């Protein structure tokens, strides 16, 4: 007669994710990493386009101004962005010879939607061809650099780069003294 052989150990089932579940997990992880990049910004800031074409900006920490500038440009807003720490201001002043009056060209939309109280809204339609939105943010606080004020104007011509210099004047906008 033939012998029936049995192992003392039962076979252990191998635990494996079905392929569709594995693919779903991989896609979810990729989306979690890519979403902040696709929407603009990172931990320092976030930007999004509203249904009416305006751009909503939240600055969580005042760092990476050139990344914010690049993201705003990618959304169709020709902008220059600078963060100015306490005790400093941009030089040279004025940075443009042709700033338009705030009343003439309302770049910032106030108040923004109530649900978006922690940020501000920019209307890119206020900036025409050949014009530049200039956004200067005064920065205070350590170690978390927070925005204390915003100066926003539209220039009808070129804008000088911001070189930070020591100053006792208000940090934003054109110099008030000589």
C-alpha atoms as a PDB file:
ATOM      1  CA  UNK A   1       0.000   0.000   0.000  1.00  0.00           C
ATOM      2  CA  UNK A   2       1.050   3.482  -0.519  1.00  0.00           C
ATOM      3  CA  UNK A   3       1.862   5.697   2.321  1.00  0.00           C
ATOM      4  CA  UNK A   4       0.174   9.039   2.739  1.00  0.00           C
ATOM      5  CA  UNK A   5       2.649  11.544   3.895  1.00  0.00           C
ATOM      6  CA  UNK A   6       1.539  14.578   5.862  1.00  0.00           C
ATOM      7  CA  UNK A   7       3.652  17.454   7.047  1.00  0.00           C
ATOM      8  CA  UNK A   8       3.334  18.351  10.650  1.00  0.00           C
ATOM      9  CA  UNK A   9       3.188  22.034   9.668  1.00  0.00           C
ATOM     10  CA  UNK A  10       0.237  23.326   7.759  1.00  0.00           C
ATOM     11  CA  UNK A  11       1.124  25.442   4.769  1.00  0.00           C
ATOM     12  CA  UNK A  12       1.262  29.163   5.635  1.00  0.00           C
ATOM     13  CA  UNK A  13      -0.714  31.252   3.258  1.00  0.00           C
ATOM     14  CA  UNK A  14       1.318  33.980   1.593  1.00  0.00           C
ATOM     15  CA  UNK A  15      -0.094  37.427   2.173  1.00  0.00           C
ATOM     16  CA  UNK A  16      -0.047  39.483  -0.980  1.00  0.00           C
ATOM     17  CA  UNK A  17      -1.939  42.523  -2.138  1.00  0.00           C
ATOM     18  CA  UNK A  18      -3.871  41.901  -5.275  1.00  0.00           C
ATOM     19  CA  UNK A  19      -2.313  43.852  -8.135  1.00  0.00           C
ATOM     20  CA  UNK A  20      -5.157  46.421  -8.403  1.00  0.00           C
ATOM     21  CA  UNK A  21      -4.820  47.222  -4.685  1.00  0.00           C
ATOM     22  CA  UNK A  22      -1.046  47.650  -5.045  1.00  0.00           C
ATOM     23  CA  UNK A  23      -1.551  49.983  -7.985  1.00  0.00           C
ATOM     24  CA  UNK A  24      -4.121  51.989  -6.014  1.00  0.00           C
ATOM     25  CA  UNK A  25      -1.668  52.425  -3.108  1.00  0.00           C
ATOM     26  CA  UNK A  26       1.108  53.538  -5.447  1.00  0.00           C
ATOM     27  CA  UNK A  27      -1.185  56.053  -7.155  1.00  0.00           C
ATOM     28  CA  UNK A  28      -2.405  57.405  -3.812  1.00  0.00           C
ATOM     29  CA  UNK A  29       1.170  57.915  -2.604  1.00  0.00           C
ATOM     30  CA  UNK A  30       2.131  59.674  -5.836  1.00  0.00           C
ATOM     31  CA  UNK A  31      -0.933  61.926  -5.606  1.00  0.00           C
ATOM     32  CA  UNK A  32      -0.123  62.864  -2.014  1.00  0.00           C
ATOM     33  CA  UNK A  33       3.355  63.955  -3.059  1.00  0.00           C
ATOM     34  CA  UNK A  34       2.334  65.656  -6.313  1.00  0.00           C
ATOM     35  CA  UNK A  35      -0.806  67.500  -5.148  1.00  0.00           C
ATOM     36  CA  UNK A  36       0.979  70.347  -3.352  1.00  0.00           C
ATOM     37  CA  UNK A  37       3.279  70.763  -6.337  1.00  0.00           C
ATOM     38  CA  UNK A  38       0.431  70.753  -8.847  1.00  0.00           C
ATOM     39  CA  UNK A  39      -1.581  73.276  -6.845  1.00  0.00           C
ATOM     40  CA  UNK A  40       1.444  75.471  -6.374  1.00  0.00           C
ATOM     41  CA  UNK A  41       3.522  75.998  -3.348  1.00  0.00           C
ATOM     42  CA  UNK A  42       4.784  73.793  -0.626  1.00  0.00           C
ATOM     43  CA  UNK A  43       4.965  74.040   3.119  1.00  0.00           C
ATOM     44  CA  UNK A  44       5.962  77.727   2.931  1.00  0.00           C
ATOM     45  CA  UNK A  45       2.936  78.818   0.876  1.00  0.00           C
ATOM     46  CA  UNK A  46      -0.011  77.629  -1.170  1.00  0.00           C
ATOM     47  CA  UNK A  47      -1.646  79.162  -4.228  1.00  0.00           C
ATOM     48  CA  UNK A  48      -4.774  78.229  -6.116  1.00  0.00           C
ATOM     49  CA  UNK A  49      -6.850  79.660  -8.920  1.00  0.00           C
ATOM     50  CA  UNK A  50     -10.414  80.653  -8.039  1.00  0.00           C
ATOM     51  CA  UNK A  51     -13.374  80.085 -10.353  1.00  0.00           C
ATOM     52  CA  UNK A  52     -13.459  83.802 -11.215  1.00  0.00           C
ATOM     53  CA  UNK A  53      -9.816  83.758 -12.421  1.00  0.00           C
ATOM     54  CA  UNK A  54      -8.356  85.394  -9.318  1.00  0.00           C
ATOM     55  CA  UNK A  55      -5.475  83.748  -7.475  1.00  0.00           C
ATOM     56  CA  UNK A  56      -5.682  82.947  -3.770  1.00  0.00           C
ATOM     57  CA  UNK A  57      -2.367  82.970  -1.854  1.00  0.00           C
ATOM     58  CA  UNK A  58      -1.655  81.731   1.653  1.00  0.00           C
ATOM     59  CA  UNK A  59       1.808  82.288   3.093  1.00  0.00           C
ATOM     60  CA  UNK A  60       2.492  79.907   5.948  1.00  0.00           C
ATOM     61  CA  UNK A  61       6.137  80.841   6.387  1.00  0.00           C
ATOM     62  CA  UNK A  62       7.919  83.716   4.658  1.00  0.00           C
ATOM     63  CA  UNK A  63      10.607  81.852   2.769  1.00  0.00           C
ATOM     64  CA  UNK A  64      11.061  80.838  -0.868  1.00  0.00           C
ATOM     65  CA  UNK A  65       9.874  84.127  -2.448  1.00  0.00           C
ATOM     66  CA  UNK A  66      11.340  83.233  -5.833  1.00  0.00           C
ATOM     67  CA  UNK A  67       9.429  79.916  -5.843  1.00  0.00           C
ATOM     68  CA  UNK A  68       6.211  81.808  -5.111  1.00  0.00           C
ATOM     69  CA  UNK A  69       7.116  84.245  -7.889  1.00  0.00           C
ATOM     70  CA  UNK A  70       7.680  81.369 -10.340  1.00  0.00           C
ATOM     71  CA  UNK A  71       4.375  79.716  -9.376  1.00  0.00           C
ATOM     72  CA  UNK A  72       2.476  82.991  -9.833  1.00  0.00           C
ATOM     73  CA  UNK A  73       4.078  83.428 -13.257  1.00  0.00           C
ATOM     74  CA  UNK A  74       3.093  79.864 -14.153  1.00  0.00           C
ATOM     75  CA  UNK A  75      -0.510  80.864 -13.339  1.00  0.00           C
ATOM     76  CA  UNK A  76      -0.285  83.794 -15.753  1.00  0.00           C
ATOM     77  CA  UNK A  77       0.625  86.632 -13.371  1.00  0.00           C
ATOM     78  CA  UNK A  78       3.798  88.529 -14.287  1.00  0.00           C
ATOM     79  CA  UNK A  79       4.985  89.180 -10.734  1.00  0.00           C
ATOM     80  CA  UNK A  80       8.036  90.110  -8.686  1.00  0.00           C
ATOM     81  CA  UNK A  81       7.940  88.795  -5.089  1.00  0.00           C
ATOM     82  CA  UNK A  82      10.214  89.908  -2.250  1.00  0.00           C
ATOM     83  CA  UNK A  83      10.226  89.184   1.495  1.00  0.00           C
ATOM     84  CA  UNK A  84      11.703  92.029   3.523  1.00  0.00           C
ATOM     85  CA  UNK A  85      12.809  91.374   7.120  1.00  0.00           C
ATOM     86  CA  UNK A  86      12.440  93.884   9.947  1.00  0.00           C
ATOM     87  CA  UNK A  87      15.074  96.635   9.798  1.00  0.00           C
ATOM     88  CA  UNK A  88      15.581  96.243   6.035  1.00  0.00           C
ATOM     89  CA  UNK A  89      14.097  97.595   2.817  1.00  0.00           C
ATOM     90  CA  UNK A  90      14.620  97.158  -0.896  1.00  0.00           C
ATOM     91  CA  UNK A  91      17.153  99.267  -2.722  1.00  0.00           C
ATOM     92  CA  UNK A  92      17.202 101.052  -5.115  1.00  0.00           C
ATOM     93  CA  UNK A  93      14.155 103.202  -4.446  1.00  0.00           C
ATOM     94  CA  UNK A  94      11.928 103.661  -6.237  1.00  0.00           C
ATOM     95  CA  UNK A  95      12.185 100.233  -7.855  1.00  0.00           C
ATOM     96  CA  UNK A  96      10.114 101.446 -10.799  1.00  0.00           C
ATOM     97  CA  UNK A  97       9.594 104.865 -12.346  1.00  0.00           C
ATOM     98  CA  UNK A  98       5.998 104.072 -13.225  1.00  0.00           C
ATOM     99  CA  UNK A  99       3.991 102.553 -10.387  1.00  0.00           C
ATOM    100  CA  UNK A 100       0.280 102.885 -11.034  1.00  0.00           C
ATOM    101  CA  UNK A 101      -1.972 104.142  -8.249  1.00  0.00           C
ATOM    102  CA  UNK A 102      -3.694 101.479  -6.147  1.00  0.00           C
ATOM    103  CA  UNK A 103      -7.058 103.066  -6.985  1.00  0.00           C
ATOM    104  CA  UNK A 104      -6.227 102.997 -10.708  1.00  0.00           C
ATOM    105  CA  UNK A 105      -5.219  99.324 -10.742  1.00  0.00           C
ATOM    106  CA  UNK A 106      -6.599  97.279  -7.815  1.00  0.00           C
ATOM    107  CA  UNK A 107      -4.281  94.263  -7.792  1.00  0.00           C
ATOM    108  CA  UNK A 108      -5.380  92.853  -4.433  1.00  0.00           C
ATOM    109  CA  UNK A 109      -9.022  91.935  -3.954  1.00  0.00           C
ATOM    110  CA  UNK A 110     -10.231  92.881  -0.475  1.00  0.00           C
ATOM    111  CA  UNK A 111     -11.910  91.316   1.265  1.00  0.00           C
ATOM    112  CA  UNK A 112     -11.327  87.843  -0.057  1.00  0.00           C
ATOM    113  CA  UNK A 113     -13.898  85.097   0.306  1.00  0.00           C
ATOM    114  CA  UNK A 114     -14.707  84.561   3.997  1.00  0.00           C
ATOM    115  CA  UNK A 115     -13.573  80.944   3.818  1.00  0.00           C
ATOM    116  CA  UNK A 116     -10.141  82.190   2.808  1.00  0.00           C
ATOM    117  CA  UNK A 117      -9.408  84.584   5.664  1.00  0.00           C
ATOM    118  CA  UNK A 118      -5.862  83.323   6.195  1.00  0.00           C
ATOM    119  CA  UNK A 119      -4.587  84.578   2.859  1.00  0.00           C
ATOM    120  CA  UNK A 120      -5.214  87.144   0.175  1.00  0.00           C
ATOM    121  CA  UNK A 121      -6.561  87.255  -3.361  1.00  0.00           C
ATOM    122  CA  UNK A 122      -4.804  88.727  -6.405  1.00  0.00           C
ATOM    123  CA  UNK A 123      -6.582  89.663  -9.631  1.00  0.00           C
ATOM    124  CA  UNK A 124      -4.179  88.895 -12.501  1.00  0.00           C
ATOM    125  CA  UNK A 125      -6.470  90.806 -14.907  1.00  0.00           C
ATOM    126  CA  UNK A 126      -5.203  94.003 -13.244  1.00  0.00           C
ATOM    127  CA  UNK A 127      -1.778  93.403 -14.812  1.00  0.00           C
ATOM    128  CA  UNK A 128      -1.728  94.207 -18.532  1.00  0.00           C
ATOM    129  CA  UNK A 129       0.793  93.330 -21.224  1.00  0.00           C
ATOM    130  CA  UNK A 130       4.216  94.752 -20.385  1.00  0.00           C
ATOM    131  CA  UNK A 131       3.204  95.423 -16.776  1.00  0.00           C
ATOM    132  CA  UNK A 132       4.572  93.802 -13.612  1.00  0.00           C
ATOM    133  CA  UNK A 133       2.848  93.063 -10.296  1.00  0.00           C
ATOM    134  CA  UNK A 134       5.202  93.976  -7.447  1.00  0.00           C
ATOM    135  CA  UNK A 135       4.487  92.158  -4.180  1.00  0.00           C
ATOM    136  CA  UNK A 136       6.574  93.128  -1.171  1.00  0.00           C
ATOM    137  CA  UNK A 137       5.969  91.389   2.171  1.00  0.00           C
ATOM    138  CA  UNK A 138       7.328  92.653   5.476  1.00  0.00           C
ATOM    139  CA  UNK A 139       8.489  89.723   7.563  1.00  0.00           C
ATOM    140  CA  UNK A 140       8.683  89.434  11.332  1.00  0.00           C
ATOM    141  CA  UNK A 141       9.232  86.728  13.882  1.00  0.00           C
ATOM    142  CA  UNK A 142      11.753  83.989  14.449  1.00  0.00           C
ATOM    143  CA  UNK A 143      12.016  81.042  13.943  1.00  0.00           C
ATOM    144  CA  UNK A 144       8.734  81.059  11.998  1.00  0.00           C
ATOM    145  CA  UNK A 145       8.939  83.945   9.578  1.00  0.00           C
ATOM    146  CA  UNK A 146       5.454  85.419   9.359  1.00  0.00           C
ATOM    147  CA  UNK A 147       4.102  88.059   7.026  1.00  0.00           C
ATOM    148  CA  UNK A 148       3.335  91.295   8.873  1.00  0.00           C
ATOM    149  CA  UNK A 149       2.314  93.454   5.899  1.00  0.00           C
ATOM    150  CA  UNK A 150       1.790  93.489   2.149  1.00  0.00           C
ATOM    151  CA  UNK A 151       2.564  96.208  -0.394  1.00  0.00           C
ATOM    152  CA  UNK A 152       1.176  95.442  -3.844  1.00  0.00           C
ATOM    153  CA  UNK A 153       1.344  97.683  -6.900  1.00  0.00           C
ATOM    154  CA  UNK A 154       1.470  97.357 -10.645  1.00  0.00           C
ATOM    155  CA  UNK A 155       4.408  98.828 -12.541  1.00  0.00           C
ATOM    156  CA  UNK A 156       3.932 100.028 -16.097  1.00  0.00           C
ATOM    157  CA  UNK A 157       7.605  99.341 -16.800  1.00  0.00           C
ATOM    158  CA  UNK A 158      10.662  97.460 -15.593  1.00  0.00           C
ATOM    159  CA  UNK A 159      11.209  96.797 -11.891  1.00  0.00           C
ATOM    160  CA  UNK A 160      14.672  96.859 -10.285  1.00  0.00           C
ATOM    161  CA  UNK A 161      15.824  93.813  -8.344  1.00  0.00           C
ATOM    162  CA  UNK A 162      15.532  94.113  -4.571  1.00  0.00           C
ATOM    163  CA  UNK A 163      18.813  94.442  -2.741  1.00  0.00           C
ATOM    164  CA  UNK A 164      18.150  94.427   1.000  1.00  0.00           C
ATOM    165  CA  UNK A 165      19.737  97.331   2.868  1.00  0.00           C
ATOM    166  CA  UNK A 166      19.557  98.451   6.511  1.00  0.00           C
ATOM    167  CA  UNK A 167      16.802 100.976   7.135  1.00  0.00           C
ATOM    168  CA  UNK A 168      14.856 102.635   9.910  1.00  0.00           C
ATOM    169  CA  UNK A 169      12.023 103.489   7.481  1.00  0.00           C
ATOM    170  CA  UNK A 170       8.897 101.462   6.885  1.00  0.00           C
ATOM    171  CA  UNK A 171      10.034  98.353   5.001  1.00  0.00           C
ATOM    172  CA  UNK A 172       7.533  98.332   2.132  1.00  0.00           C
ATOM    173  CA  UNK A 173       7.045 100.394  -0.991  1.00  0.00           C
ATOM    174  CA  UNK A 174       8.946 103.432  -2.225  1.00  0.00           C
ATOM    175  CA  UNK A 175      11.154 105.276   0.231  1.00  0.00           C
ATOM    176  CA  UNK A 176       9.615 108.217   2.053  1.00  0.00           C
ATOM    177  CA  UNK A 177      12.876 109.980   2.812  1.00  0.00           C
ATOM    178  CA  UNK A 178      16.105 110.875   1.122  1.00  0.00           C
END
